Every structure is written in C-alpha cells, then in structure tokens.
Amino acid sequence: MDRPVQQDQGKPVVWLSGDIKTPPFSTEARIEAGVLPRELQRGESPTAPHSRPMPVIGARCHELLIRDKNKIWRVMYRTDHDAVIILAVFQKTTRTTPGSVIDQSKRRLSRYDAAS
C-alpha cells in the first residue's frame, strides 16, 4: 500500500494513497499540487484558501485545495515531525468532505501509526 518515500528537501512525503498526475489533473493543477507539499516539506504551513484543518480525521490533519479548470481537487494530509503523510487525493464535488474519505483517511493513519 505505501509507495516509496519522496525526499526533495526537508521532510519526506509518504504517499498512503492517491496520485497527482496529468491526466486527470491539468498540467497547471499538477504543478500547484506539487508546490504545496514541497512547502509542507520545508515546514511551511499553507493557509486558507489552500489548506484547512481537518480535526475530524486527527491532530495535524489538513485538506489542501487544488483548483483545476472545472474541478476542485483535495489532498488530505497530516504533518508529523519527521514526514508529511498523504492520506487521499480526490475530486471534491460538494462543500462537505465525503464521510467515506474521512473514514478511509482515519484507517490509513491508524495502519501507518501502528506500523511506525
């Protein structure tokens, strides 16, 4: 399930689920979706409208917003002292985050924490 850890600068990014690639992302959205996690790697904290806290998933969990041409993408993540953990990447079609994404993210974090 876990993909290799990406190490550019700062903290590594651990992908538990999801892809950021073209397609389905446009090239511009894919670039933005790459820049924001790099900021997280360097210890920066994107703020609204790019990121919002998701305490319903857990401590230090957030949702990145990536605006594409006619779509809105979300990247669920948690920042740890030693890594940025990507929990889910999905197209958001409503104002609320689907319960299934929240539940999956919680399960992924639970398995990740148990293995760590």
N, C-alpha and C. Protein backbone atom coordinates (compact mmCIF):
# COMPACT_ATOMS: atom_id res chain seq x y z
N MET A 1 0.82 -1.19 0.00
CA MET A 1 0.00 0.00 0.00
C MET A 1 0.87 1.26 0.00
N ASP A 2 1.88 1.33 0.84
CA ASP A 2 2.73 2.52 0.88
C ASP A 2 3.58 2.58 -0.38
N ARG A 3 3.75 3.77 -0.90
CA ARG A 3 4.64 3.98 -2.03
C ARG A 3 5.96 4.48 -1.50
N PRO A 4 7.00 4.43 -2.32
CA PRO A 4 8.30 4.92 -1.86
C PRO A 4 8.20 6.35 -1.35
N VAL A 5 9.04 6.66 -0.42
CA VAL A 5 9.10 7.99 0.17
C VAL A 5 9.82 8.92 -0.80
N GLN A 6 9.27 10.11 -0.98
CA GLN A 6 9.87 11.12 -1.85
C GLN A 6 10.68 12.07 -0.98
N GLN A 7 11.94 12.27 -1.29
CA GLN A 7 12.80 13.14 -0.50
C GLN A 7 13.35 14.23 -1.40
N ASP A 8 12.79 15.42 -1.36
CA ASP A 8 13.30 16.55 -2.13
C ASP A 8 14.10 17.45 -1.20
N GLN A 9 13.40 18.11 -0.32
CA GLN A 9 14.00 18.98 0.68
C GLN A 9 13.20 18.80 1.95
N GLY A 10 13.86 18.88 3.07
CA GLY A 10 13.14 18.80 4.33
C GLY A 10 12.56 17.43 4.57
N LYS A 11 11.35 17.41 5.12
CA LYS A 11 10.68 16.16 5.48
C LYS A 11 10.35 15.35 4.22
N PRO A 12 10.40 14.03 4.33
CA PRO A 12 9.94 13.21 3.22
C PRO A 12 8.41 13.24 3.13
N VAL A 13 7.90 12.95 1.94
CA VAL A 13 6.46 12.82 1.73
C VAL A 13 6.17 11.33 1.60
N VAL A 14 5.28 10.81 2.44
CA VAL A 14 4.88 9.40 2.41
C VAL A 14 3.48 9.34 1.81
N TRP A 15 3.35 8.63 0.70
CA TRP A 15 2.06 8.52 0.00
C TRP A 15 1.36 7.26 0.44
N LEU A 16 0.27 7.39 1.19
CA LEU A 16 -0.53 6.24 1.57
C LEU A 16 -1.60 5.95 0.54
N SER A 17 -1.98 6.96 -0.23
CA SER A 17 -2.99 6.77 -1.27
C SER A 17 -3.04 8.00 -2.17
N GLY A 18 -3.49 7.79 -3.39
CA GLY A 18 -3.73 8.90 -4.30
C GLY A 18 -2.60 9.14 -5.27
N ASP A 19 -2.93 9.83 -6.35
CA ASP A 19 -1.98 10.21 -7.38
C ASP A 19 -2.20 11.66 -7.76
N ILE A 20 -1.12 12.33 -8.10
CA ILE A 20 -1.21 13.67 -8.66
C ILE A 20 -0.45 13.59 -9.98
N LYS A 21 -1.20 13.39 -11.04
CA LYS A 21 -0.58 13.25 -12.35
C LYS A 21 -1.50 13.82 -13.43
N THR A 22 -0.94 14.04 -14.59
CA THR A 22 -1.70 14.56 -15.72
C THR A 22 -1.88 13.44 -16.72
N PRO A 23 -3.12 13.11 -17.18
CA PRO A 23 -4.39 13.43 -16.55
C PRO A 23 -4.61 12.58 -15.30
N PRO A 24 -5.56 12.82 -14.47
CA PRO A 24 -6.72 13.67 -14.65
C PRO A 24 -6.48 15.14 -14.30
N PHE A 25 -5.42 15.47 -13.56
CA PHE A 25 -5.11 16.86 -13.27
C PHE A 25 -4.65 17.54 -14.56
N SER A 26 -4.99 18.81 -14.71
CA SER A 26 -4.37 19.59 -15.79
C SER A 26 -2.90 19.82 -15.40
N THR A 27 -2.09 20.20 -16.35
CA THR A 27 -0.68 20.45 -16.06
C THR A 27 -0.54 21.52 -14.99
N GLU A 28 -1.32 22.60 -15.08
CA GLU A 28 -1.23 23.69 -14.11
C GLU A 28 -1.61 23.22 -12.70
N ALA A 29 -2.69 22.44 -12.61
CA ALA A 29 -3.13 21.96 -11.29
C ALA A 29 -2.11 20.98 -10.72
N ARG A 30 -1.51 20.14 -11.57
CA ARG A 30 -0.50 19.19 -11.11
C ARG A 30 0.71 19.93 -10.55
N ILE A 31 1.09 21.02 -11.19
CA ILE A 31 2.22 21.82 -10.70
C ILE A 31 1.88 22.42 -9.34
N GLU A 32 0.68 23.00 -9.21
CA GLU A 32 0.27 23.57 -7.92
C GLU A 32 0.22 22.47 -6.85
N ALA A 33 -0.28 21.30 -7.23
CA ALA A 33 -0.37 20.19 -6.28
C ALA A 33 1.01 19.67 -5.89
N GLY A 34 2.04 19.99 -6.66
CA GLY A 34 3.41 19.63 -6.29
C GLY A 34 4.06 20.69 -5.44
N VAL A 35 3.72 21.94 -5.68
CA VAL A 35 4.32 23.05 -4.93
C VAL A 35 3.87 23.03 -3.47
N LEU A 36 2.59 22.82 -3.23
CA LEU A 36 2.09 22.88 -1.86
C LEU A 36 2.71 21.82 -0.95
N PRO A 37 2.81 20.55 -1.37
CA PRO A 37 3.51 19.59 -0.49
C PRO A 37 4.99 19.93 -0.27
N ARG A 38 5.63 20.55 -1.26
CA ARG A 38 7.03 20.97 -1.05
C ARG A 38 7.12 22.01 0.05
N GLU A 39 6.13 22.92 0.10
CA GLU A 39 6.09 23.90 1.19
C GLU A 39 5.98 23.17 2.54
N LEU A 40 5.12 22.14 2.58
CA LEU A 40 4.96 21.37 3.81
C LEU A 40 6.27 20.68 4.19
N GLN A 41 6.99 20.17 3.19
CA GLN A 41 8.28 19.51 3.45
C GLN A 41 9.26 20.46 4.12
N ARG A 42 9.20 21.73 3.73
CA ARG A 42 10.12 22.73 4.28
C ARG A 42 9.63 23.31 5.61
N GLY A 43 8.50 22.80 6.09
CA GLY A 43 7.99 23.26 7.38
C GLY A 43 7.06 24.46 7.28
N GLU A 44 6.74 24.88 6.07
CA GLU A 44 5.79 25.98 5.88
C GLU A 44 4.38 25.44 6.03
N SER A 45 3.46 26.31 6.40
CA SER A 45 2.06 25.91 6.58
C SER A 45 1.15 26.71 5.68
N PRO A 46 0.73 26.12 4.56
CA PRO A 46 -0.22 26.84 3.71
C PRO A 46 -1.49 27.16 4.49
N THR A 47 -2.08 28.30 4.21
CA THR A 47 -3.29 28.71 4.89
C THR A 47 -4.44 28.81 3.89
N ALA A 48 -5.63 29.17 4.39
CA ALA A 48 -6.80 29.33 3.54
C ALA A 48 -6.47 30.33 2.44
N PRO A 49 -6.88 30.12 1.24
CA PRO A 49 -7.80 29.09 0.78
C PRO A 49 -7.11 27.80 0.36
N HIS A 50 -5.81 27.68 0.51
CA HIS A 50 -5.10 26.48 0.06
C HIS A 50 -5.18 25.31 1.03
N SER A 51 -5.37 25.57 2.30
CA SER A 51 -5.38 24.50 3.28
C SER A 51 -6.34 24.83 4.40
N ARG A 52 -6.98 23.79 4.90
CA ARG A 52 -7.84 23.98 6.08
C ARG A 52 -7.67 22.78 6.99
N PRO A 53 -7.78 23.01 8.30
CA PRO A 53 -7.62 21.92 9.26
C PRO A 53 -8.76 20.90 9.12
N MET A 54 -8.44 19.65 9.40
CA MET A 54 -9.42 18.56 9.38
C MET A 54 -9.32 17.76 10.68
N PRO A 55 -9.67 18.39 11.82
CA PRO A 55 -9.54 17.69 13.10
C PRO A 55 -10.42 16.45 13.20
N VAL A 56 -11.44 16.35 12.37
CA VAL A 56 -12.31 15.16 12.37
C VAL A 56 -11.51 13.91 12.00
N ILE A 57 -10.42 14.09 11.25
CA ILE A 57 -9.56 12.95 10.90
C ILE A 57 -8.54 12.71 12.00
N GLY A 58 -7.97 13.78 12.52
CA GLY A 58 -6.99 13.63 13.59
C GLY A 58 -6.16 14.89 13.76
N ALA A 59 -5.32 14.87 14.76
CA ALA A 59 -4.43 16.00 15.03
C ALA A 59 -3.48 16.19 13.86
N ARG A 60 -3.20 17.43 13.52
CA ARG A 60 -2.26 17.83 12.46
C ARG A 60 -2.71 17.41 11.07
N CYS A 61 -4.00 17.08 10.92
CA CYS A 61 -4.55 16.70 9.62
C CYS A 61 -5.17 17.92 8.95
N HIS A 62 -4.98 17.98 7.64
CA HIS A 62 -5.46 19.11 6.86
C HIS A 62 -5.92 18.63 5.49
N GLU A 63 -6.56 19.55 4.78
CA GLU A 63 -7.04 19.30 3.43
C GLU A 63 -6.52 20.42 2.54
N LEU A 64 -5.74 20.06 1.53
CA LEU A 64 -5.28 21.05 0.54
C LEU A 64 -6.34 21.20 -0.54
N LEU A 65 -6.52 22.40 -1.02
CA LEU A 65 -7.44 22.70 -2.12
C LEU A 65 -6.63 23.00 -3.37
N ILE A 66 -6.91 22.27 -4.43
CA ILE A 66 -6.26 22.49 -5.72
C ILE A 66 -7.35 22.81 -6.73
N ARG A 67 -7.37 24.04 -7.22
CA ARG A 67 -8.37 24.42 -8.22
C ARG A 67 -7.85 24.07 -9.61
N ASP A 68 -8.66 23.35 -10.34
CA ASP A 68 -8.34 22.98 -11.71
C ASP A 68 -9.33 23.70 -12.61
N LYS A 69 -9.26 23.48 -13.89
CA LYS A 69 -10.12 24.19 -14.85
C LYS A 69 -11.58 24.18 -14.41
N ASN A 70 -12.21 23.03 -14.39
CA ASN A 70 -13.61 22.92 -13.99
C ASN A 70 -13.80 21.98 -12.83
N LYS A 71 -12.73 21.73 -12.09
CA LYS A 71 -12.78 20.77 -11.00
C LYS A 71 -12.07 21.34 -9.78
N ILE A 72 -12.39 20.78 -8.65
CA ILE A 72 -11.68 21.09 -7.42
C ILE A 72 -11.16 19.77 -6.87
N TRP A 73 -9.86 19.72 -6.63
CA TRP A 73 -9.22 18.54 -6.07
C TRP A 73 -8.86 18.79 -4.62
N ARG A 74 -8.85 17.73 -3.84
CA ARG A 74 -8.45 17.81 -2.43
C ARG A 74 -7.35 16.79 -2.17
N VAL A 75 -6.42 17.20 -1.36
CA VAL A 75 -5.34 16.32 -0.91
C VAL A 75 -5.39 16.32 0.61
N MET A 76 -5.74 15.17 1.18
CA MET A 76 -5.78 15.04 2.63
C MET A 76 -4.38 14.67 3.10
N TYR A 77 -3.90 15.33 4.17
CA TYR A 77 -2.56 15.06 4.65
C TYR A 77 -2.44 15.29 6.15
N ARG A 78 -1.38 14.74 6.70
CA ARG A 78 -1.02 15.00 8.09
C ARG A 78 0.46 15.37 8.12
N THR A 79 0.79 16.35 8.95
CA THR A 79 2.19 16.71 9.13
C THR A 79 2.68 16.12 10.44
N ASP A 80 3.74 15.34 10.35
CA ASP A 80 4.41 14.79 11.53
C ASP A 80 5.75 15.50 11.67
N HIS A 81 6.44 15.28 12.77
CA HIS A 81 7.73 15.94 12.96
C HIS A 81 8.76 15.44 11.96
N ASP A 82 8.55 14.22 11.43
CA ASP A 82 9.55 13.64 10.53
C ASP A 82 9.06 13.36 9.11
N ALA A 83 7.79 13.67 8.79
CA ALA A 83 7.26 13.38 7.47
C ALA A 83 5.95 14.10 7.22
N VAL A 84 5.60 14.20 5.94
CA VAL A 84 4.28 14.65 5.51
C VAL A 84 3.59 13.42 4.95
N ILE A 85 2.44 13.05 5.50
CA ILE A 85 1.75 11.83 5.09
C ILE A 85 0.54 12.21 4.24
N ILE A 86 0.53 11.74 2.99
CA ILE A 86 -0.60 11.98 2.08
C ILE A 86 -1.59 10.85 2.29
N LEU A 87 -2.82 11.21 2.67
CA LEU A 87 -3.84 10.22 3.01
C LEU A 87 -4.78 9.92 1.86
N ALA A 88 -5.10 10.92 1.06
CA ALA A 88 -6.07 10.73 -0.02
C ALA A 88 -5.97 11.90 -0.99
N VAL A 89 -6.26 11.61 -2.25
CA VAL A 89 -6.38 12.61 -3.29
C VAL A 89 -7.70 12.33 -4.00
N PHE A 90 -8.58 13.33 -4.06
CA PHE A 90 -9.88 13.08 -4.67
C PHE A 90 -10.45 14.36 -5.24
N GLN A 91 -11.38 14.19 -6.16
CA GLN A 91 -12.11 15.33 -6.73
C GLN A 91 -13.27 15.63 -5.81
N LYS A 92 -13.37 16.87 -5.39
CA LYS A 92 -14.44 17.27 -4.49
C LYS A 92 -15.59 17.83 -5.31
N THR A 93 -16.77 17.29 -5.09
CA THR A 93 -17.94 17.73 -5.85
C THR A 93 -19.00 18.40 -4.99
N THR A 94 -18.81 18.38 -3.66
CA THR A 94 -19.75 19.04 -2.76
C THR A 94 -18.95 19.87 -1.75
N ARG A 95 -19.66 20.68 -0.98
CA ARG A 95 -19.00 21.54 0.01
C ARG A 95 -18.41 20.73 1.16
N THR A 96 -19.00 19.59 1.46
CA THR A 96 -18.52 18.80 2.58
C THR A 96 -17.62 17.66 2.09
N THR A 97 -16.68 17.29 2.93
CA THR A 97 -15.81 16.17 2.60
C THR A 97 -16.59 14.88 2.81
N PRO A 98 -16.59 14.00 1.81
CA PRO A 98 -17.35 12.75 1.94
C PRO A 98 -16.92 11.94 3.16
N GLY A 99 -17.91 11.38 3.85
CA GLY A 99 -17.62 10.55 5.01
C GLY A 99 -16.72 9.38 4.68
N SER A 100 -16.86 8.84 3.48
CA SER A 100 -16.01 7.69 3.09
C SER A 100 -14.54 8.10 3.03
N VAL A 101 -14.24 9.32 2.58
CA VAL A 101 -12.86 9.80 2.53
C VAL A 101 -12.33 10.00 3.95
N ILE A 102 -13.15 10.54 4.81
CA ILE A 102 -12.75 10.74 6.21
C ILE A 102 -12.45 9.40 6.86
N ASP A 103 -13.36 8.43 6.68
CA ASP A 103 -13.16 7.11 7.28
C ASP A 103 -11.92 6.42 6.73
N GLN A 104 -11.72 6.47 5.40
CA GLN A 104 -10.53 5.86 4.79
C GLN A 104 -9.25 6.51 5.32
N SER A 105 -9.28 7.82 5.44
CA SER A 105 -8.09 8.53 5.94
C SER A 105 -7.77 8.13 7.36
N LYS A 106 -8.79 8.00 8.20
CA LYS A 106 -8.58 7.56 9.58
C LYS A 106 -7.98 6.15 9.62
N ARG A 107 -8.51 5.25 8.79
CA ARG A 107 -7.99 3.87 8.75
C ARG A 107 -6.55 3.85 8.27
N ARG A 108 -6.24 4.62 7.25
CA ARG A 108 -4.87 4.66 6.73
C ARG A 108 -3.90 5.17 7.79
N LEU A 109 -4.32 6.22 8.50
CA LEU A 109 -3.46 6.75 9.57
C LEU A 109 -3.27 5.74 10.69
N SER A 110 -4.31 5.05 11.03
CA SER A 110 -4.23 4.04 12.10
C SER A 110 -3.25 2.95 11.71
N ARG A 111 -3.31 2.46 10.46
CA ARG A 111 -2.36 1.44 10.00
C ARG A 111 -0.94 1.99 9.94
N TYR A 112 -0.81 3.23 9.47
CA TYR A 112 0.51 3.87 9.38
C TYR A 112 1.12 4.00 10.77
N ASP A 113 0.33 4.51 11.73
CA ASP A 113 0.84 4.69 13.08
C ASP A 113 1.18 3.36 13.75
N ALA A 114 0.39 2.33 13.48
CA ALA A 114 0.66 1.01 14.07
C ALA A 114 1.95 0.41 13.52
N ALA A 115 2.25 0.71 12.25
CA ALA A 115 3.46 0.17 11.62
C ALA A 115 4.71 0.96 11.98
N SER A 116 4.53 2.18 12.45
CA SER A 116 5.68 3.06 12.74
C SER A 116 6.33 2.74 14.07
